[in-house]
Amino acid sequence: MDLTQKTNENIRFMVEEIIQKLKMATAAAMNPEHFKLERYEEIKDIYDLVTSKTNYSISEMEAIVKELGDLRK
């Protein structure tokens, strides 16, 4: 695939790849086995934030994933 060409097909390909990568990163960060019970309150705060909204910007999702990553064992 030649991504130097501006086509709808290339846009579709790139967006699907970005979505796939984001899901993979999020899933790895949210594996329950990676968190200690001592971090429960911090995790609960993030949970409350996540469940309080239906949509997130990319920067918000990145911040959430980063926070979860910082809380991992």
PDB file of N, CA and C in Angstrom:
ATOM      1  N   MET A   1       0.847  -1.173   0.000  1.00  0.00           N
ATOM      2  CA  MET A   1       0.000   0.000   0.000  1.00  0.00           C
ATOM      3  C   MET A   1       0.896   1.241   0.000  1.00  0.00           C
ATOM      4  N   ASP A   2       0.609   2.145  -0.874  1.00  0.00           N
ATOM      5  CA  ASP A   2       1.398   3.371  -1.008  1.00  0.00           C
ATOM      6  C   ASP A   2       0.696   4.500  -0.262  1.00  0.00           C
ATOM      7  N   LEU A   3       1.156   4.782   0.936  1.00  0.00           N
ATOM      8  CA  LEU A   3       0.500   5.794   1.749  1.00  0.00           C
ATOM      9  C   LEU A   3       0.867   7.221   1.356  1.00  0.00           C
ATOM     10  N   THR A   4       1.691   7.369   0.341  1.00  0.00           N
ATOM     11  CA  THR A   4       1.971   8.718  -0.163  1.00  0.00           C
ATOM     12  C   THR A   4       0.843   9.213  -1.054  1.00  0.00           C
ATOM     13  N   GLN A   5      -0.036   8.309  -1.461  1.00  0.00           N
ATOM     14  CA  GLN A   5      -1.189   8.663  -2.287  1.00  0.00           C
ATOM     15  C   GLN A   5      -2.372   9.033  -1.395  1.00  0.00           C
ATOM     16  N   LYS A   6      -2.992  10.172  -1.696  1.00  0.00           N
ATOM     17  CA  LYS A   6      -4.136  10.642  -0.912  1.00  0.00           C
ATOM     18  C   LYS A   6      -5.416  10.014  -1.451  1.00  0.00           C
ATOM     19  N   THR A   7      -5.777   8.878  -0.859  1.00  0.00           N
ATOM     20  CA  THR A   7      -6.988   8.174  -1.300  1.00  0.00           C
ATOM     21  C   THR A   7      -7.856   7.838  -0.097  1.00  0.00           C
ATOM     22  N   ASN A   8      -9.139   7.633  -0.360  1.00  0.00           N
ATOM     23  CA  ASN A   8     -10.044   7.214   0.701  1.00  0.00           C
ATOM     24  C   ASN A   8      -9.652   5.851   1.244  1.00  0.00           C
ATOM     25  N   GLU A   9      -9.155   4.993   0.381  1.00  0.00           N
ATOM     26  CA  GLU A   9      -8.712   3.668   0.805  1.00  0.00           C
ATOM     27  C   GLU A   9      -7.560   3.778   1.805  1.00  0.00           C
ATOM     28  N   ASN A  10      -6.617   4.675   1.538  1.00  0.00           N
ATOM     29  CA  ASN A  10      -5.495   4.869   2.453  1.00  0.00           C
ATOM     30  C   ASN A  10      -5.961   5.467   3.778  1.00  0.00           C
ATOM     31  N   ILE A  11      -6.902   6.398   3.704  1.00  0.00           N
ATOM     32  CA  ILE A  11      -7.447   6.976   4.931  1.00  0.00           C
ATOM     33  C   ILE A  11      -8.089   5.885   5.766  1.00  0.00           C
ATOM     34  N   ARG A  12      -8.913   5.057   5.130  1.00  0.00           N
ATOM     35  CA  ARG A  12      -9.575   3.954   5.830  1.00  0.00           C
ATOM     36  C   ARG A  12      -8.542   3.034   6.469  1.00  0.00           C
ATOM     37  N   PHE A  13      -7.509   2.678   5.716  1.00  0.00           N
ATOM     38  CA  PHE A  13      -6.459   1.802   6.234  1.00  0.00           C
ATOM     39  C   PHE A  13      -5.793   2.415   7.461  1.00  0.00           C
ATOM     40  N   MET A  14      -5.401   3.687   7.361  1.00  0.00           N
ATOM     41  CA  MET A  14      -4.690   4.341   8.463  1.00  0.00           C
ATOM     42  C   MET A  14      -5.569   4.466   9.700  1.00  0.00           C
ATOM     43  N   VAL A  15      -6.821   4.832   9.516  1.00  0.00           N
ATOM     44  CA  VAL A  15      -7.723   4.970  10.658  1.00  0.00           C
ATOM     45  C   VAL A  15      -7.939   3.625  11.332  1.00  0.00           C
ATOM     46  N   GLU A  16      -8.144   2.579  10.555  1.00  0.00           N
ATOM     47  CA  GLU A  16      -8.321   1.244  11.136  1.00  0.00           C
ATOM     48  C   GLU A  16      -7.079   0.810  11.906  1.00  0.00           C
ATOM     49  N   GLU A  17      -5.918   1.123  11.392  1.00  0.00           N
ATOM     50  CA  GLU A  17      -4.680   0.777  12.093  1.00  0.00           C
ATOM     51  C   GLU A  17      -4.559   1.543  13.413  1.00  0.00           C
ATOM     52  N   ILE A  18      -4.903   2.827  13.396  1.00  0.00           N
ATOM     53  CA  ILE A  18      -4.847   3.636  14.611  1.00  0.00           C
ATOM     54  C   ILE A  18      -5.807   3.072  15.654  1.00  0.00           C
ATOM     55  N   ILE A  19      -7.017   2.757  15.236  1.00  0.00           N
ATOM     56  CA  ILE A  19      -8.016   2.197  16.153  1.00  0.00           C
ATOM     57  C   ILE A  19      -7.521   0.884  16.740  1.00  0.00           C
ATOM     58  N   GLN A  20      -6.979   0.048  15.900  1.00  0.00           N
ATOM     59  CA  GLN A  20      -6.472  -1.241  16.368  1.00  0.00           C
ATOM     60  C   GLN A  20      -5.362  -1.051  17.393  1.00  0.00           C
ATOM     61  N   LYS A  21      -4.435  -0.148  17.131  1.00  0.00           N
ATOM     62  CA  LYS A  21      -3.325   0.090  18.058  1.00  0.00           C
ATOM     63  C   LYS A  21      -3.825   0.661  19.378  1.00  0.00           C
ATOM     64  N   LEU A  22      -4.775   1.569  19.321  1.00  0.00           N
ATOM     65  CA  LEU A  22      -5.313   2.160  20.537  1.00  0.00           C
ATOM     66  C   LEU A  22      -6.003   1.114  21.398  1.00  0.00           C
ATOM     67  N   LYS A  23      -6.763   0.240  20.787  1.00  0.00           N
ATOM     68  CA  LYS A  23      -7.428  -0.827  21.544  1.00  0.00           C
ATOM     69  C   LYS A  23      -6.409  -1.746  22.197  1.00  0.00           C
ATOM     70  N   MET A  24      -5.359  -2.066  21.487  1.00  0.00           N
ATOM     71  CA  MET A  24      -4.333  -2.942  22.038  1.00  0.00           C
ATOM     72  C   MET A  24      -3.668  -2.284  23.238  1.00  0.00           C
ATOM     73  N   ALA A  25      -3.348  -1.017  23.143  1.00  0.00           N
ATOM     74  CA  ALA A  25      -2.703  -0.314  24.248  1.00  0.00           C
ATOM     75  C   ALA A  25      -3.632  -0.241  25.445  1.00  0.00           C
ATOM     76  N   THR A  26      -4.872   0.048  25.208  1.00  0.00           N
ATOM     77  CA  THR A  26      -5.843   0.165  26.285  1.00  0.00           C
ATOM     78  C   THR A  26      -6.052  -1.185  26.961  1.00  0.00           C
ATOM     79  N   ALA A  27      -6.182  -2.221  26.190  1.00  0.00           N
ATOM     80  CA  ALA A  27      -6.407  -3.545  26.766  1.00  0.00           C
ATOM     81  C   ALA A  27      -5.234  -3.969  27.636  1.00  0.00           C
ATOM     82  N   ALA A  28      -4.021  -3.709  27.195  1.00  0.00           N
ATOM     83  CA  ALA A  28      -2.844  -4.092  27.980  1.00  0.00           C
ATOM     84  C   ALA A  28      -2.790  -3.308  29.291  1.00  0.00           C
ATOM     85  N   ALA A  29      -3.164  -2.045  29.252  1.00  0.00           N
ATOM     86  CA  ALA A  29      -3.124  -1.218  30.455  1.00  0.00           C
ATOM     87  C   ALA A  29      -4.199  -1.608  31.451  1.00  0.00           C
ATOM     88  N   MET A  30      -5.282  -2.212  30.990  1.00  0.00           N
ATOM     89  CA  MET A  30      -6.404  -2.494  31.867  1.00  0.00           C
ATOM     90  C   MET A  30      -6.486  -3.946  32.322  1.00  0.00           C
ATOM     91  N   ASN A  31      -5.450  -4.719  32.162  1.00  0.00           N
ATOM     92  CA  ASN A  31      -5.440  -6.093  32.654  1.00  0.00           C
ATOM     93  C   ASN A  31      -5.485  -6.060  34.185  1.00  0.00           C
ATOM     94  N   PRO A  32      -6.550  -6.585  34.799  1.00  0.00           N
ATOM     95  CA  PRO A  32      -6.697  -6.497  36.257  1.00  0.00           C
ATOM     96  C   PRO A  32      -5.536  -7.090  37.043  1.00  0.00           C
ATOM     97  N   GLU A  33      -4.856  -8.058  36.484  1.00  0.00           N
ATOM     98  CA  GLU A  33      -3.740  -8.690  37.182  1.00  0.00           C
ATOM     99  C   GLU A  33      -2.542  -7.762  37.339  1.00  0.00           C
ATOM    100  N   HIS A  34      -2.520  -6.653  36.629  1.00  0.00           N
ATOM    101  CA  HIS A  34      -1.397  -5.728  36.672  1.00  0.00           C
ATOM    102  C   HIS A  34      -1.515  -4.668  37.769  1.00  0.00           C
ATOM    103  N   PHE A  35      -2.564  -4.740  38.577  1.00  0.00           N
ATOM    104  CA  PHE A  35      -2.797  -3.718  39.585  1.00  0.00           C
ATOM    105  C   PHE A  35      -2.815  -4.317  40.981  1.00  0.00           C
ATOM    106  N   LYS A  36      -2.261  -3.567  41.932  1.00  0.00           N
ATOM    107  CA  LYS A  36      -2.273  -3.988  43.330  1.00  0.00           C
ATOM    108  C   LYS A  36      -3.511  -3.451  44.014  1.00  0.00           C
ATOM    109  N   LEU A  37      -3.977  -4.173  45.021  1.00  0.00           N
ATOM    110  CA  LEU A  37      -5.152  -3.763  45.782  1.00  0.00           C
ATOM    111  C   LEU A  37      -4.929  -2.413  46.463  1.00  0.00           C
ATOM    112  N   GLU A  38      -3.693  -2.111  46.814  1.00  0.00           N
ATOM    113  CA  GLU A  38      -3.374  -0.839  47.466  1.00  0.00           C
ATOM    114  C   GLU A  38      -3.710   0.364  46.581  1.00  0.00           C
ATOM    115  N   ARG A  39      -3.848   0.160  45.298  1.00  0.00           N
ATOM    116  CA  ARG A  39      -4.164   1.228  44.340  1.00  0.00           C
ATOM    117  C   ARG A  39      -5.656   1.336  44.050  1.00  0.00           C
ATOM    118  N   TYR A  40      -6.457   0.639  44.857  1.00  0.00           N
ATOM    119  CA  TYR A  40      -7.899   0.568  44.599  1.00  0.00           C
ATOM    120  C   TYR A  40      -8.543   1.950  44.474  1.00  0.00           C
ATOM    121  N   GLU A  41      -8.277   2.845  45.405  1.00  0.00           N
ATOM    122  CA  GLU A  41      -8.925   4.164  45.390  1.00  0.00           C
ATOM    123  C   GLU A  41      -8.564   4.951  44.132  1.00  0.00           C
ATOM    124  N   GLU A  42      -7.315   4.886  43.724  1.00  0.00           N
ATOM    125  CA  GLU A  42      -6.896   5.587  42.517  1.00  0.00           C
ATOM    126  C   GLU A  42      -7.569   5.004  41.275  1.00  0.00           C
ATOM    127  N   ILE A  43      -7.659   3.681  41.256  1.00  0.00           N
ATOM    128  CA  ILE A  43      -8.330   3.017  40.132  1.00  0.00           C
ATOM    129  C   ILE A  43      -9.817   3.375  40.130  1.00  0.00           C
ATOM    130  N   LYS A  44     -10.420   3.414  41.309  1.00  0.00           N
ATOM    131  CA  LYS A  44     -11.835   3.776  41.424  1.00  0.00           C
ATOM    132  C   LYS A  44     -12.066   5.201  40.924  1.00  0.00           C
ATOM    133  N   ASP A  45     -11.165   6.111  41.231  1.00  0.00           N
ATOM    134  CA  ASP A  45     -11.287   7.489  40.738  1.00  0.00           C
ATOM    135  C   ASP A  45     -11.286   7.524  39.212  1.00  0.00           C
ATOM    136  N   ILE A  46     -10.411   6.751  38.614  1.00  0.00           N
ATOM    137  CA  ILE A  46     -10.361   6.686  37.148  1.00  0.00           C
ATOM    138  C   ILE A  46     -11.639   6.056  36.610  1.00  0.00           C
ATOM    139  N   TYR A  47     -12.098   5.001  37.266  1.00  0.00           N
ATOM    140  CA  TYR A  47     -13.350   4.357  36.860  1.00  0.00           C
ATOM    141  C   TYR A  47     -14.504   5.353  36.894  1.00  0.00           C
ATOM    142  N   ASP A  48     -14.605   6.100  37.977  1.00  0.00           N
ATOM    143  CA  ASP A  48     -15.676   7.093  38.101  1.00  0.00           C
ATOM    144  C   ASP A  48     -15.606   8.129  36.979  1.00  0.00           C
ATOM    145  N   LEU A  49     -14.419   8.562  36.671  1.00  0.00           N
ATOM    146  CA  LEU A  49     -14.237   9.520  35.579  1.00  0.00           C
ATOM    147  C   LEU A  49     -14.687   8.919  34.254  1.00  0.00           C
ATOM    148  N   VAL A  50     -14.244   7.707  33.981  1.00  0.00           N
ATOM    149  CA  VAL A  50     -14.546   7.054  32.709  1.00  0.00           C
ATOM    150  C   VAL A  50     -16.047   6.803  32.560  1.00  0.00           C
ATOM    151  N   THR A  51     -16.695   6.395  33.621  1.00  0.00           N
ATOM    152  CA  THR A  51     -18.129   6.089  33.530  1.00  0.00           C
ATOM    153  C   THR A  51     -19.005   7.339  33.559  1.00  0.00           C
ATOM    154  N   SER A  52     -18.428   8.477  33.873  1.00  0.00           N
ATOM    155  CA  SER A  52     -19.223   9.702  33.937  1.00  0.00           C
ATOM    156  C   SER A  52     -19.397  10.367  32.580  1.00  0.00           C
ATOM    157  N   LYS A  53     -18.630   9.950  31.598  1.00  0.00           N
ATOM    158  CA  LYS A  53     -18.699  10.551  30.263  1.00  0.00           C
ATOM    159  C   LYS A  53     -18.931   9.480  29.202  1.00  0.00           C
ATOM    160  N   THR A  54     -19.512   9.903  28.094  1.00  0.00           N
ATOM    161  CA  THR A  54     -19.723   8.954  27.004  1.00  0.00           C
ATOM    162  C   THR A  54     -18.699   9.124  25.888  1.00  0.00           C
ATOM    163  N   ASN A  55     -18.114  10.293  25.762  1.00  0.00           N
ATOM    164  CA  ASN A  55     -17.138  10.557  24.703  1.00  0.00           C
ATOM    165  C   ASN A  55     -15.873  11.168  25.284  1.00  0.00           C
ATOM    166  N   TYR A  56     -14.752  10.831  24.666  1.00  0.00           N
ATOM    167  CA  TYR A  56     -13.466  11.339  25.108  1.00  0.00           C
ATOM    168  C   TYR A  56     -12.662  11.810  23.911  1.00  0.00           C
ATOM    169  N   SER A  57     -11.890  12.849  24.131  1.00  0.00           N
ATOM    170  CA  SER A  57     -10.962  13.281  23.086  1.00  0.00           C
ATOM    171  C   SER A  57      -9.772  12.335  23.093  1.00  0.00           C
ATOM    172  N   ILE A  58      -8.976  12.418  22.073  1.00  0.00           N
ATOM    173  CA  ILE A  58      -7.782  11.567  21.999  1.00  0.00           C
ATOM    174  C   ILE A  58      -6.834  11.892  23.146  1.00  0.00           C
ATOM    175  N   SER A  59      -6.676  13.157  23.469  1.00  0.00           N
ATOM    176  CA  SER A  59      -5.777  13.511  24.566  1.00  0.00           C
ATOM    177  C   SER A  59      -6.303  12.983  25.908  1.00  0.00           C
ATOM    178  N   GLU A  60      -7.620  12.964  26.076  1.00  0.00           N
ATOM    179  CA  GLU A  60      -8.189  12.399  27.296  1.00  0.00           C
ATOM    180  C   GLU A  60      -7.943  10.897  27.371  1.00  0.00           C
ATOM    181  N   MET A  61      -8.141  10.200  26.260  1.00  0.00           N
ATOM    182  CA  MET A  61      -7.894   8.755  26.252  1.00  0.00           C
ATOM    183  C   MET A  61      -6.426   8.463  26.534  1.00  0.00           C
ATOM    184  N   GLU A  62      -5.537   9.253  25.945  1.00  0.00           N
ATOM    185  CA  GLU A  62      -4.109   9.057  26.197  1.00  0.00           C
ATOM    186  C   GLU A  62      -3.781   9.285  27.664  1.00  0.00           C
ATOM    187  N   ALA A  63      -4.383  10.307  28.263  1.00  0.00           N
ATOM    188  CA  ALA A  63      -4.141  10.594  29.676  1.00  0.00           C
ATOM    189  C   ALA A  63      -4.651   9.458  30.554  1.00  0.00           C
ATOM    190  N   ILE A  64      -5.811   8.915  30.222  1.00  0.00           N
ATOM    191  CA  ILE A  64      -6.376   7.804  30.994  1.00  0.00           C
ATOM    192  C   ILE A  64      -5.475   6.578  30.896  1.00  0.00           C
ATOM    193  N   VAL A  65      -5.041   6.258  29.694  1.00  0.00           N
ATOM    194  CA  VAL A  65      -4.154   5.104  29.510  1.00  0.00           C
ATOM    195  C   VAL A  65      -2.838   5.327  30.245  1.00  0.00           C
ATOM    196  N   LYS A  66      -2.319   6.549  30.201  1.00  0.00           N
ATOM    197  CA  LYS A  66      -1.069   6.860  30.916  1.00  0.00           C
ATOM    198  C   LYS A  66      -1.253   6.685  32.415  1.00  0.00           C
ATOM    199  N   GLU A  67      -2.350   7.201  32.947  1.00  0.00           N
ATOM    200  CA  GLU A  67      -2.614   7.065  34.384  1.00  0.00           C
ATOM    201  C   GLU A  67      -2.699   5.600  34.782  1.00  0.00           C
ATOM    202  N   LEU A  68      -3.420   4.814  34.005  1.00  0.00           N
ATOM    203  CA  LEU A  68      -3.512   3.382  34.292  1.00  0.00           C
ATOM    204  C   LEU A  68      -2.145   2.731  34.225  1.00  0.00           C
ATOM    205  N   GLY A  69      -1.365   3.118  33.232  1.00  0.00           N
ATOM    206  CA  GLY A  69      -0.008   2.577  33.117  1.00  0.00           C
ATOM    207  C   GLY A  69       0.850   2.921  34.313  1.00  0.00           C
ATOM    208  N   ASP A  70       0.683   4.130  34.843  1.00  0.00           N
ATOM    209  CA  ASP A  70       1.448   4.544  36.026  1.00  0.00           C
ATOM    210  C   ASP A  70       1.040   3.764  37.273  1.00  0.00           C
ATOM    211  N   LEU A  71      -0.191   3.258  37.291  1.00  0.00           N
ATOM    212  CA  LEU A  71      -0.693   2.516  38.444  1.00  0.00           C
ATOM    213  C   LEU A  71      -0.349   1.030  38.416  1.00  0.00           C
ATOM    214  N   ARG A  72       0.174   0.569  37.300  1.00  0.00           N
ATOM    215  CA  ARG A  72       0.501  -0.856  37.182  1.00  0.00           C
ATOM    216  C   ARG A  72       1.635  -1.227  38.112  1.00  0.00           C
ATOM    217  N   LYS A  73       1.683  -2.512  38.482  1.00  0.00           N
ATOM    218  CA  LYS A  73       2.738  -3.045  39.352  1.00  0.00           C
ATOM    219  C   LYS A  73       4.101  -2.765  38.778  1.00  0.00           C
TER     220      LYS A  73
END
